[in-house]
């Protein structure tokens, strides 16, 4: 897999996590720790995308 294809795949996963976080935050019975974990996953992906893009 090329670096570009890998970065594209990571970007799609990041977008998916963004949508998941948004839905979880709107749900009335959402676990704050679960949302925090999703946000940490997003941040790690963003850091990886940035590192691979440079």
C-alpha atoms as a PDB file:
ATOM      1  CA  UNK A   1       0.000   0.000   0.000  1.00  0.00           C
ATOM      2  CA  UNK A   2       1.398   3.382  -0.938  1.00  0.00           C
ATOM      3  CA  UNK A   3       1.748   6.129   1.645  1.00  0.00           C
ATOM      4  CA  UNK A   4      -0.890   8.205  -0.133  1.00  0.00           C
ATOM      5  CA  UNK A   5      -3.400   5.361  -0.060  1.00  0.00           C
ATOM      6  CA  UNK A   6      -2.639   4.751   3.605  1.00  0.00           C
ATOM      7  CA  UNK A   7      -3.142   8.436   4.440  1.00  0.00           C
ATOM      8  CA  UNK A   8      -6.453   8.418   2.542  1.00  0.00           C
ATOM      9  CA  UNK A   9      -7.577   5.379   4.524  1.00  0.00           C
ATOM     10  CA  UNK A  10      -6.607   7.109   7.798  1.00  0.00           C
ATOM     11  CA  UNK A  11      -8.525  10.230   6.761  1.00  0.00           C
ATOM     12  CA  UNK A  12     -11.653   8.152   6.139  1.00  0.00           C
ATOM     13  CA  UNK A  13     -11.267   6.522   9.554  1.00  0.00           C
ATOM     14  CA  UNK A  14     -10.795   9.985  11.135  1.00  0.00           C
ATOM     15  CA  UNK A  15     -14.003  11.209   9.486  1.00  0.00           C
ATOM     16  CA  UNK A  16     -15.852   8.130  10.669  1.00  0.00           C
ATOM     17  CA  UNK A  17     -14.677   8.749  14.229  1.00  0.00           C
ATOM     18  CA  UNK A  18     -15.746  12.393  13.952  1.00  0.00           C
ATOM     19  CA  UNK A  19     -19.254  11.302  13.036  1.00  0.00           C
ATOM     20  CA  UNK A  20     -19.278   8.738  15.840  1.00  0.00           C
ATOM     21  CA  UNK A  21     -18.203  11.372  18.399  1.00  0.00           C
ATOM     22  CA  UNK A  22     -20.888  13.759  17.177  1.00  0.00           C
ATOM     23  CA  UNK A  23     -23.602  11.125  17.478  1.00  0.00           C
ATOM     24  CA  UNK A  24     -22.382  10.017  20.898  1.00  0.00           C
ATOM     25  CA  UNK A  25     -22.380  13.582  22.196  1.00  0.00           C
ATOM     26  CA  UNK A  26     -25.992  14.059  21.080  1.00  0.00           C
ATOM     27  CA  UNK A  27     -27.198  10.862  22.745  1.00  0.00           C
ATOM     28  CA  UNK A  28     -28.628  11.450  26.225  1.00  0.00           C
ATOM     29  CA  UNK A  29     -27.057   8.409  27.908  1.00  0.00           C
ATOM     30  CA  UNK A  30     -23.562   8.634  26.469  1.00  0.00           C
ATOM     31  CA  UNK A  31     -20.624   7.572  28.578  1.00  0.00           C
ATOM     32  CA  UNK A  32     -18.176  10.488  28.855  1.00  0.00           C
ATOM     33  CA  UNK A  33     -15.233   8.088  29.037  1.00  0.00           C
ATOM     34  CA  UNK A  34     -16.284   6.474  25.763  1.00  0.00           C
ATOM     35  CA  UNK A  35     -16.456   9.885  24.076  1.00  0.00           C
ATOM     36  CA  UNK A  36     -13.051  10.804  25.500  1.00  0.00           C
ATOM     37  CA  UNK A  37     -11.617   7.549  24.143  1.00  0.00           C
ATOM     38  CA  UNK A  38     -13.022   8.269  20.678  1.00  0.00           C
ATOM     39  CA  UNK A  39     -11.512  11.744  20.776  1.00  0.00           C
ATOM     40  CA  UNK A  40      -8.110  10.295  21.735  1.00  0.00           C
ATOM     41  CA  UNK A  41      -8.332   7.868  18.820  1.00  0.00           C
ATOM     42  CA  UNK A  42      -9.117  10.795  16.506  1.00  0.00           C
ATOM     43  CA  UNK A  43      -6.142  12.741  17.821  1.00  0.00           C
ATOM     44  CA  UNK A  44      -3.771   9.803  17.320  1.00  0.00           C
ATOM     45  CA  UNK A  45      -5.045   9.388  13.763  1.00  0.00           C
ATOM     46  CA  UNK A  46      -4.634  13.109  13.075  1.00  0.00           C
ATOM     47  CA  UNK A  47      -1.059  13.003  14.370  1.00  0.00           C
ATOM     48  CA  UNK A  48      -0.285   9.987  12.202  1.00  0.00           C
ATOM     49  CA  UNK A  49      -1.829  11.639   9.139  1.00  0.00           C
ATOM     50  CA  UNK A  50       0.213  14.791   9.743  1.00  0.00           C
ATOM     51  CA  UNK A  51       3.426  12.828  10.257  1.00  0.00           C
ATOM     52  CA  UNK A  52       2.909  10.749   7.088  1.00  0.00           C
ATOM     53  CA  UNK A  53       1.908  13.779   5.012  1.00  0.00           C
ATOM     54  CA  UNK A  54       5.155  15.617   5.741  1.00  0.00           C
END
